[in-house]
Amino acid sequence: MWPNSRISDEEINRFLDGELSPSQRLDLQARLAQEPQRAAEVFAHAQRMEALRSAQPRRAEAALALLLALLPQRLRRPLRESRSVVTAFG
């Protein structure tokens, strides 16, 4: 067993964020192998993170498509308002 075998949340976060060196990653993986429940939690969290990362481009594309669809309407509104102001004072 390792001297400081308790796996901290900070280590897990650094692992999931890809911030560990290769030797640190191997050490943590070996320690996780000794704690199947903790390893399952880390794996589940990694899957959720990956799902979010892969969903972001689709969400961004959908938001951009919606924005582009609404943009012409939003551009016409200020023009109509400014025309009515000009007409009222002109």
PDB file of N, CA and C in Angstrom:
ATOM      1  N   MET A   1       0.840  -1.180   0.000  1.00  0.00           N
ATOM      2  CA  MET A   1       0.000   0.000   0.000  1.00  0.00           C
ATOM      3  C   MET A   1       0.883   1.240   0.000  1.00  0.00           C
ATOM      4  N   TRP A   2       0.385   2.334  -0.552  1.00  0.00           N
ATOM      5  CA  TRP A   2       1.134   3.581  -0.635  1.00  0.00           C
ATOM      6  C   TRP A   2       1.086   4.306   0.700  1.00  0.00           C
ATOM      7  N   PRO A   3       2.143   5.086   1.010  1.00  0.00           N
ATOM      8  CA  PRO A   3       2.170   5.789   2.298  1.00  0.00           C
ATOM      9  C   PRO A   3       0.959   6.697   2.496  1.00  0.00           C
ATOM     10  N   ASN A   4       0.640   7.467   1.510  1.00  0.00           N
ATOM     11  CA  ASN A   4      -0.528   8.343   1.597  1.00  0.00           C
ATOM     12  C   ASN A   4      -1.548   7.823   0.595  1.00  0.00           C
ATOM     13  N   SER A   5      -2.200   6.722   0.942  1.00  0.00           N
ATOM     14  CA  SER A   5      -3.051   6.039  -0.031  1.00  0.00           C
ATOM     15  C   SER A   5      -4.431   6.664  -0.186  1.00  0.00           C
ATOM     16  N   ARG A   6      -4.817   7.547   0.725  1.00  0.00           N
ATOM     17  CA  ARG A   6      -6.125   8.185   0.584  1.00  0.00           C
ATOM     18  C   ARG A   6      -6.121   9.032  -0.676  1.00  0.00           C
ATOM     19  N   ILE A   7      -7.095   8.817  -1.515  1.00  0.00           N
ATOM     20  CA  ILE A   7      -7.195   9.560  -2.771  1.00  0.00           C
ATOM     21  C   ILE A   7      -8.027  10.810  -2.519  1.00  0.00           C
ATOM     22  N   SER A   8      -7.410  11.951  -2.721  1.00  0.00           N
ATOM     23  CA  SER A   8      -8.104  13.210  -2.447  1.00  0.00           C
ATOM     24  C   SER A   8      -8.957  13.630  -3.643  1.00  0.00           C
ATOM     25  N   ASP A   9      -9.929  14.474  -3.360  1.00  0.00           N
ATOM     26  CA  ASP A   9     -10.760  15.023  -4.431  1.00  0.00           C
ATOM     27  C   ASP A   9      -9.911  15.855  -5.386  1.00  0.00           C
ATOM     28  N   GLU A  10      -8.907  16.533  -4.846  1.00  0.00           N
ATOM     29  CA  GLU A  10      -8.016  17.336  -5.686  1.00  0.00           C
ATOM     30  C   GLU A  10      -7.287  16.452  -6.699  1.00  0.00           C
ATOM     31  N   GLU A  11      -6.804  15.295  -6.242  1.00  0.00           N
ATOM     32  CA  GLU A  11      -6.136  14.362  -7.157  1.00  0.00           C
ATOM     33  C   GLU A  11      -7.096  13.895  -8.253  1.00  0.00           C
ATOM     34  N   ILE A  12      -8.319  13.586  -7.856  1.00  0.00           N
ATOM     35  CA  ILE A  12      -9.319  13.135  -8.823  1.00  0.00           C
ATOM     36  C   ILE A  12      -9.594  14.232  -9.841  1.00  0.00           C
ATOM     37  N   ASN A  13      -9.774  15.453  -9.365  1.00  0.00           N
ATOM     38  CA  ASN A  13     -10.040  16.572 -10.271  1.00  0.00           C
ATOM     39  C   ASN A  13      -8.880  16.794 -11.232  1.00  0.00           C
ATOM     40  N   ARG A  14      -7.660  16.742 -10.724  1.00  0.00           N
ATOM     41  CA  ARG A  14      -6.488  16.910 -11.585  1.00  0.00           C
ATOM     42  C   ARG A  14      -6.397  15.769 -12.599  1.00  0.00           C
ATOM     43  N   PHE A  15      -6.747  14.570 -12.169  1.00  0.00           N
ATOM     44  CA  PHE A  15      -6.764  13.409 -13.058  1.00  0.00           C
ATOM     45  C   PHE A  15      -7.771  13.619 -14.181  1.00  0.00           C
ATOM     46  N   LEU A  16      -8.997  14.011 -13.816  1.00  0.00           N
ATOM     47  CA  LEU A  16     -10.061  14.205 -14.795  1.00  0.00           C
ATOM     48  C   LEU A  16      -9.777  15.366 -15.737  1.00  0.00           C
ATOM     49  N   ASP A  17      -9.065  16.372 -15.243  1.00  0.00           N
ATOM     50  CA  ASP A  17      -8.725  17.536 -16.069  1.00  0.00           C
ATOM     51  C   ASP A  17      -7.461  17.331 -16.894  1.00  0.00           C
ATOM     52  N   GLY A  18      -6.820  16.163 -16.739  1.00  0.00           N
ATOM     53  CA  GLY A  18      -5.616  15.872 -17.499  1.00  0.00           C
ATOM     54  C   GLY A  18      -4.391  16.624 -17.018  1.00  0.00           C
ATOM     55  N   GLU A  19      -4.368  16.984 -15.744  1.00  0.00           N
ATOM     56  CA  GLU A  19      -3.284  17.789 -15.198  1.00  0.00           C
ATOM     57  C   GLU A  19      -2.192  16.976 -14.508  1.00  0.00           C
ATOM     58  N   LEU A  20      -2.334  15.658 -14.448  1.00  0.00           N
ATOM     59  CA  LEU A  20      -1.319  14.828 -13.800  1.00  0.00           C
ATOM     60  C   LEU A  20      -0.250  14.422 -14.807  1.00  0.00           C
ATOM     61  N   SER A  21       0.952  14.288 -14.313  1.00  0.00           N
ATOM     62  CA  SER A  21       2.031  13.770 -15.158  1.00  0.00           C
ATOM     63  C   SER A  21       1.742  12.296 -15.420  1.00  0.00           C
ATOM     64  N   PRO A  22       2.394  11.717 -16.411  1.00  0.00           N
ATOM     65  CA  PRO A  22       2.159  10.289 -16.681  1.00  0.00           C
ATOM     66  C   PRO A  22       2.431   9.404 -15.460  1.00  0.00           C
ATOM     67  N   SER A  23       3.482   9.693 -14.702  1.00  0.00           N
ATOM     68  CA  SER A  23       3.773   8.862 -13.522  1.00  0.00           C
ATOM     69  C   SER A  23       2.727   9.070 -12.430  1.00  0.00           C
ATOM     70  N   GLN A  24       2.253  10.294 -12.253  1.00  0.00           N
ATOM     71  CA  GLN A  24       1.196  10.556 -11.267  1.00  0.00           C
ATOM     72  C   GLN A  24      -0.096   9.862 -11.677  1.00  0.00           C
ATOM     73  N   ARG A  25      -0.398   9.897 -12.976  1.00  0.00           N
ATOM     74  CA  ARG A  25      -1.615   9.247 -13.483  1.00  0.00           C
ATOM     75  C   ARG A  25      -1.557   7.737 -13.244  1.00  0.00           C
ATOM     76  N   LEU A  26      -0.401   7.125 -13.546  1.00  0.00           N
ATOM     77  CA  LEU A  26      -0.254   5.685 -13.317  1.00  0.00           C
ATOM     78  C   LEU A  26      -0.378   5.340 -11.834  1.00  0.00           C
ATOM     79  N   ASP A  27       0.210   6.161 -10.985  1.00  0.00           N
ATOM     80  CA  ASP A  27       0.122   5.940  -9.539  1.00  0.00           C
ATOM     81  C   ASP A  27      -1.330   6.019  -9.076  1.00  0.00           C
ATOM     82  N   LEU A  28      -2.028   7.029  -9.523  1.00  0.00           N
ATOM     83  CA  LEU A  28      -3.430   7.190  -9.119  1.00  0.00           C
ATOM     84  C   LEU A  28      -4.285   6.042  -9.646  1.00  0.00           C
ATOM     85  N   GLN A  29      -4.034   5.615 -10.866  1.00  0.00           N
ATOM     86  CA  GLN A  29      -4.795   4.489 -11.421  1.00  0.00           C
ATOM     87  C   GLN A  29      -4.553   3.214 -10.616  1.00  0.00           C
ATOM     88  N   ALA A  30      -3.322   3.008 -10.186  1.00  0.00           N
ATOM     89  CA  ALA A  30      -3.017   1.827  -9.366  1.00  0.00           C
ATOM     90  C   ALA A  30      -3.722   1.921  -8.018  1.00  0.00           C
ATOM     91  N   ARG A  31      -3.754   3.113  -7.455  1.00  0.00           N
ATOM     92  CA  ARG A  31      -4.439   3.297  -6.175  1.00  0.00           C
ATOM     93  C   ARG A  31      -5.943   3.127  -6.331  1.00  0.00           C
ATOM     94  N   LEU A  32      -6.490   3.605  -7.452  1.00  0.00           N
ATOM     95  CA  LEU A  32      -7.922   3.435  -7.707  1.00  0.00           C
ATOM     96  C   LEU A  32      -8.271   1.962  -7.891  1.00  0.00           C
ATOM     97  N   ALA A  33      -7.353   1.193  -8.431  1.00  0.00           N
ATOM     98  CA  ALA A  33      -7.599  -0.241  -8.604  1.00  0.00           C
ATOM     99  C   ALA A  33      -7.804  -0.930  -7.263  1.00  0.00           C
ATOM    100  N   GLN A  34      -7.269  -0.339  -6.197  1.00  0.00           N
ATOM    101  CA  GLN A  34      -7.437  -0.888  -4.849  1.00  0.00           C
ATOM    102  C   GLN A  34      -8.751  -0.449  -4.206  1.00  0.00           C
ATOM    103  N   GLU A  35      -9.428   0.506  -4.842  1.00  0.00           N
ATOM    104  CA  GLU A  35     -10.697   1.028  -4.320  1.00  0.00           C
ATOM    105  C   GLU A  35     -11.745   0.992  -5.432  1.00  0.00           C
ATOM    106  N   PRO A  36     -12.332  -0.161  -5.689  1.00  0.00           N
ATOM    107  CA  PRO A  36     -13.276  -0.294  -6.812  1.00  0.00           C
ATOM    108  C   PRO A  36     -14.461   0.672  -6.757  1.00  0.00           C
ATOM    109  N   GLN A  37     -14.961   0.940  -5.573  1.00  0.00           N
ATOM    110  CA  GLN A  37     -16.106   1.855  -5.457  1.00  0.00           C
ATOM    111  C   GLN A  37     -15.700   3.265  -5.881  1.00  0.00           C
ATOM    112  N   ARG A  38     -14.569   3.713  -5.397  1.00  0.00           N
ATOM    113  CA  ARG A  38     -14.073   5.049  -5.758  1.00  0.00           C
ATOM    114  C   ARG A  38     -13.754   5.095  -7.256  1.00  0.00           C
ATOM    115  N   ALA A  39     -13.167   4.030  -7.784  1.00  0.00           N
ATOM    116  CA  ALA A  39     -12.854   3.961  -9.216  1.00  0.00           C
ATOM    117  C   ALA A  39     -14.129   4.059 -10.047  1.00  0.00           C
ATOM    118  N   ALA A  40     -15.197   3.399  -9.610  1.00  0.00           N
ATOM    119  CA  ALA A  40     -16.472   3.461 -10.331  1.00  0.00           C
ATOM    120  C   ALA A  40     -17.033   4.880 -10.316  1.00  0.00           C
ATOM    121  N   GLU A  41     -16.895   5.571  -9.182  1.00  0.00           N
ATOM    122  CA  GLU A  41     -17.360   6.958  -9.090  1.00  0.00           C
ATOM    123  C   GLU A  41     -16.574   7.853 -10.043  1.00  0.00           C
ATOM    124  N   VAL A  42     -15.250   7.666 -10.070  1.00  0.00           N
ATOM    125  CA  VAL A  42     -14.407   8.472 -10.954  1.00  0.00           C
ATOM    126  C   VAL A  42     -14.752   8.189 -12.415  1.00  0.00           C
ATOM    127  N   PHE A  43     -14.944   6.923 -12.756  1.00  0.00           N
ATOM    128  CA  PHE A  43     -15.290   6.550 -14.121  1.00  0.00           C
ATOM    129  C   PHE A  43     -16.631   7.172 -14.526  1.00  0.00           C
ATOM    130  N   ALA A  44     -17.614   7.108 -13.633  1.00  0.00           N
ATOM    131  CA  ALA A  44     -18.929   7.689 -13.923  1.00  0.00           C
ATOM    132  C   ALA A  44     -18.815   9.198 -14.124  1.00  0.00           C
ATOM    133  N   HIS A  45     -18.016   9.834 -13.283  1.00  0.00           N
ATOM    134  CA  HIS A  45     -17.819  11.283 -13.416  1.00  0.00           C
ATOM    135  C   HIS A  45     -17.128  11.604 -14.743  1.00  0.00           C
ATOM    136  N   ALA A  46     -16.137  10.818 -15.128  1.00  0.00           N
ATOM    137  CA  ALA A  46     -15.437  11.028 -16.393  1.00  0.00           C
ATOM    138  C   ALA A  46     -16.401  10.871 -17.570  1.00  0.00           C
ATOM    139  N   GLN A  47     -17.300   9.912 -17.489  1.00  0.00           N
ATOM    140  CA  GLN A  47     -18.295   9.727 -18.556  1.00  0.00           C
ATOM    141  C   GLN A  47     -19.229  10.924 -18.656  1.00  0.00           C
ATOM    142  N   ARG A  48     -19.664  11.456 -17.502  1.00  0.00           N
ATOM    143  CA  ARG A  48     -20.528  12.643 -17.512  1.00  0.00           C
ATOM    144  C   ARG A  48     -19.802  13.833 -18.126  1.00  0.00           C
ATOM    145  N   MET A  49     -18.531  14.001 -17.760  1.00  0.00           N
ATOM    146  CA  MET A  49     -17.750  15.106 -18.317  1.00  0.00           C
ATOM    147  C   MET A  49     -17.624  14.972 -19.829  1.00  0.00           C
ATOM    148  N   GLU A  50     -17.368  13.773 -20.297  1.00  0.00           N
ATOM    149  CA  GLU A  50     -17.229  13.539 -21.735  1.00  0.00           C
ATOM    150  C   GLU A  50     -18.549  13.789 -22.458  1.00  0.00           C
ATOM    151  N   ALA A  51     -19.652  13.389 -21.852  1.00  0.00           N
ATOM    152  CA  ALA A  51     -20.960  13.628 -22.459  1.00  0.00           C
ATOM    153  C   ALA A  51     -21.230  15.126 -22.576  1.00  0.00           C
ATOM    154  N   LEU A  52     -20.869  15.884 -21.550  1.00  0.00           N
ATOM    155  CA  LEU A  52     -21.046  17.338 -21.601  1.00  0.00           C
ATOM    156  C   LEU A  52     -20.163  17.961 -22.668  1.00  0.00           C
ATOM    157  N   ARG A  53     -18.921  17.502 -22.737  1.00  0.00           N
ATOM    158  CA  ARG A  53     -18.009  18.050 -23.750  1.00  0.00           C
ATOM    159  C   ARG A  53     -18.521  17.769 -25.156  1.00  0.00           C
ATOM    160  N   SER A  54     -19.009  16.570 -25.387  1.00  0.00           N
ATOM    161  CA  SER A  54     -19.474  16.238 -26.736  1.00  0.00           C
ATOM    162  C   SER A  54     -20.797  16.921 -27.061  1.00  0.00           C
ATOM    163  N   ALA A  55     -21.579  17.276 -26.049  1.00  0.00           N
ATOM    164  CA  ALA A  55     -22.864  17.945 -26.281  1.00  0.00           C
ATOM    165  C   ALA A  55     -22.675  19.436 -26.553  1.00  0.00           C
ATOM    166  N   GLN A  56     -21.610  20.029 -26.089  1.00  0.00           N
ATOM    167  CA  GLN A  56     -21.414  21.465 -26.241  1.00  0.00           C
ATOM    168  C   GLN A  56     -21.427  21.930 -27.696  1.00  0.00           C
ATOM    169  N   PRO A  57     -20.705  21.278 -28.605  1.00  0.00           N
ATOM    170  CA  PRO A  57     -20.759  21.760 -29.988  1.00  0.00           C
ATOM    171  C   PRO A  57     -22.170  21.725 -30.573  1.00  0.00           C
ATOM    172  N   ARG A  58     -22.926  20.672 -30.262  1.00  0.00           N
ATOM    173  CA  ARG A  58     -24.297  20.596 -30.778  1.00  0.00           C
ATOM    174  C   ARG A  58     -25.161  21.699 -30.193  1.00  0.00           C
ATOM    175  N   ARG A  59     -24.986  21.972 -28.904  1.00  0.00           N
ATOM    176  CA  ARG A  59     -25.771  23.026 -28.275  1.00  0.00           C
ATOM    177  C   ARG A  59     -25.373  24.385 -28.848  1.00  0.00           C
ATOM    178  N   ALA A  60     -24.093  24.583 -29.070  1.00  0.00           N
ATOM    179  CA  ALA A  60     -23.625  25.847 -29.628  1.00  0.00           C
ATOM    180  C   ALA A  60     -24.150  26.031 -31.047  1.00  0.00           C
ATOM    181  N   GLU A  61     -24.149  24.960 -31.844  1.00  0.00           N
ATOM    182  CA  GLU A  61     -24.674  25.046 -33.201  1.00  0.00           C
ATOM    183  C   GLU A  61     -26.167  25.373 -33.188  1.00  0.00           C
ATOM    184  N   ALA A  62     -26.903  24.755 -32.293  1.00  0.00           N
ATOM    185  CA  ALA A  62     -28.337  25.017 -32.201  1.00  0.00           C
ATOM    186  C   ALA A  62     -28.592  26.453 -31.769  1.00  0.00           C
ATOM    187  N   ALA A  63     -27.821  26.939 -30.814  1.00  0.00           N
ATOM    188  CA  ALA A  63     -27.978  28.319 -30.354  1.00  0.00           C
ATOM    189  C   ALA A  63     -27.634  29.299 -31.470  1.00  0.00           C
ATOM    190  N   LEU A  64     -26.589  29.002 -32.220  1.00  0.00           N
ATOM    191  CA  LEU A  64     -26.205  29.873 -33.333  1.00  0.00           C
ATOM    192  C   LEU A  64     -27.286  29.887 -34.412  1.00  0.00           C
ATOM    193  N   ALA A  65     -27.841  28.723 -34.726  1.00  0.00           N
ATOM    194  CA  ALA A  65     -28.910  28.659 -35.731  1.00  0.00           C
ATOM    195  C   ALA A  65     -30.126  29.475 -35.281  1.00  0.00           C
ATOM    196  N   LEU A  66     -30.467  29.373 -34.011  1.00  0.00           N
ATOM    197  CA  LEU A  66     -31.592  30.144 -33.481  1.00  0.00           C
ATOM    198  C   LEU A  66     -31.291  31.635 -33.537  1.00  0.00           C
ATOM    199  N   LEU A  67     -30.084  31.993 -33.147  1.00  0.00           N
ATOM    200  CA  LEU A  67     -29.687  33.403 -33.180  1.00  0.00           C
ATOM    201  C   LEU A  67     -29.752  33.947 -34.603  1.00  0.00           C
ATOM    202  N   LEU A  68     -29.247  33.192 -35.552  1.00  0.00           N
ATOM    203  CA  LEU A  68     -29.288  33.638 -36.947  1.00  0.00           C
ATOM    204  C   LEU A  68     -30.718  33.750 -37.458  1.00  0.00           C
ATOM    205  N   ALA A  69     -31.583  32.858 -36.996  1.00  0.00           N
ATOM    206  CA  ALA A  69     -32.989  32.926 -37.410  1.00  0.00           C
ATOM    207  C   ALA A  69     -33.681  34.150 -36.837  1.00  0.00           C
ATOM    208  N   LEU A  70     -33.313  34.541 -35.626  1.00  0.00           N
ATOM    209  CA  LEU A  70     -33.951  35.685 -34.970  1.00  0.00           C
ATOM    210  C   LEU A  70     -33.297  37.012 -35.314  1.00  0.00           C
ATOM    211  N   LEU A  71     -32.078  36.972 -35.743  1.00  0.00           N
ATOM    212  CA  LEU A  71     -31.331  38.199 -35.976  1.00  0.00           C
ATOM    213  C   LEU A  71     -32.002  39.149 -36.960  1.00  0.00           C
ATOM    214  N   PRO A  72     -32.476  38.707 -38.109  1.00  0.00           N
ATOM    215  CA  PRO A  72     -33.119  39.660 -39.025  1.00  0.00           C
ATOM    216  C   PRO A  72     -34.319  40.367 -38.394  1.00  0.00           C
ATOM    217  N   GLN A  73     -35.124  39.664 -37.597  1.00  0.00           N
ATOM    218  CA  GLN A  73     -36.259  40.295 -36.929  1.00  0.00           C
ATOM    219  C   GLN A  73     -35.782  41.362 -35.957  1.00  0.00           C
ATOM    220  N   ARG A  74     -34.749  41.070 -35.224  1.00  0.00           N
ATOM    221  CA  ARG A  74     -34.245  42.038 -34.251  1.00  0.00           C
ATOM    222  C   ARG A  74     -33.624  43.239 -34.941  1.00  0.00           C
ATOM    223  N   LEU A  75     -33.042  43.041 -36.099  1.00  0.00           N
ATOM    224  CA  LEU A  75     -32.467  44.167 -36.822  1.00  0.00           C
ATOM    225  C   LEU A  75     -33.550  45.068 -37.403  1.00  0.00           C
ATOM    226  N   ARG A  76     -34.678  44.492 -37.824  1.00  0.00           N
ATOM    227  CA  ARG A  76     -35.755  45.297 -38.403  1.00  0.00           C
ATOM    228  C   ARG A  76     -36.484  46.126 -37.350  1.00  0.00           C
ATOM    229  N   ARG A  77     -36.609  45.620 -36.147  1.00  0.00           N
ATOM    230  CA  ARG A  77     -37.339  46.358 -35.106  1.00  0.00           C
ATOM    231  C   ARG A  77     -36.749  47.738 -34.821  1.00  0.00           C
ATOM    232  N   PRO A  78     -35.451  47.847 -34.578  1.00  0.00           N
ATOM    233  CA  PRO A  78     -34.916  49.187 -34.323  1.00  0.00           C
ATOM    234  C   PRO A  78     -35.096  50.119 -35.525  1.00  0.00           C
ATOM    235  N   LEU A  79     -35.038  49.585 -36.749  1.00  0.00           N
ATOM    236  CA  LEU A  79     -35.235  50.433 -37.920  1.00  0.00           C
ATOM    237  C   LEU A  79     -36.663  50.967 -37.966  1.00  0.00           C
ATOM    238  N   ARG A  80     -37.636  50.119 -37.664  1.00  0.00           N
ATOM    239  CA  ARG A  80     -39.033  50.582 -37.650  1.00  0.00           C
ATOM    240  C   ARG A  80     -39.242  51.637 -36.580  1.00  0.00           C
ATOM    241  N   GLU A  81     -38.684  51.419 -35.400  1.00  0.00           N
ATOM    242  CA  GLU A  81     -38.837  52.384 -34.313  1.00  0.00           C
ATOM    243  C   GLU A  81     -38.177  53.705 -34.676  1.00  0.00           C
ATOM    244  N   SER A  82     -36.991  53.650 -35.266  1.00  0.00           N
ATOM    245  CA  SER A  82     -36.303  54.891 -35.598  1.00  0.00           C
ATOM    246  C   SER A  82     -37.041  55.629 -36.705  1.00  0.00           C
ATOM    247  N   ARG A  83     -37.669  54.909 -37.647  1.00  0.00           N
ATOM    248  CA  ARG A  83     -38.446  55.559 -38.692  1.00  0.00           C
ATOM    249  C   ARG A  83     -39.654  56.280 -38.101  1.00  0.00           C
ATOM    250  N   SER A  84     -40.303  55.612 -37.129  1.00  0.00           N
ATOM    251  CA  SER A  84     -41.483  56.262 -36.543  1.00  0.00           C
ATOM    252  C   SER A  84     -41.088  57.507 -35.757  1.00  0.00           C
ATOM    253  N   VAL A  85     -39.923  57.498 -35.146  1.00  0.00           N
ATOM    254  CA  VAL A  85     -39.449  58.671 -34.411  1.00  0.00           C
ATOM    255  C   VAL A  85     -39.136  59.775 -35.409  1.00  0.00           C
ATOM    256  N   VAL A  86     -38.477  59.423 -36.506  1.00  0.00           N
ATOM    257  CA  VAL A  86     -38.142  60.421 -37.517  1.00  0.00           C
ATOM    258  C   VAL A  86     -39.415  60.987 -38.127  1.00  0.00           C
ATOM    259  N   THR A  87     -40.384  60.125 -38.398  1.00  0.00           N
ATOM    260  CA  THR A  87     -41.635  60.572 -38.987  1.00  0.00           C
ATOM    261  C   THR A  87     -42.398  61.492 -38.021  1.00  0.00           C
ATOM    262  N   ALA A  88     -42.373  61.160 -36.750  1.00  0.00           N
ATOM    263  CA  ALA A  88     -43.091  61.958 -35.779  1.00  0.00           C
ATOM    264  C   ALA A  88     -42.487  63.361 -35.625  1.00  0.00           C
ATOM    265  N   PHE A  89     -41.173  63.453 -35.756  1.00  0.00           N
ATOM    266  CA  PHE A  89     -40.520  64.761 -35.607  1.00  0.00           C
ATOM    267  C   PHE A  89     -40.202  65.398 -36.940  1.00  0.00           C
ATOM    268  N   GLY A  90     -40.343  64.635 -37.994  1.00  0.00           N
ATOM    269  CA  GLY A  90     -39.916  65.172 -39.287  1.00  0.00           C
ATOM    270  C   GLY A  90     -41.043  65.733 -40.019  1.00  0.00           C
TER     271      GLY A  90
END
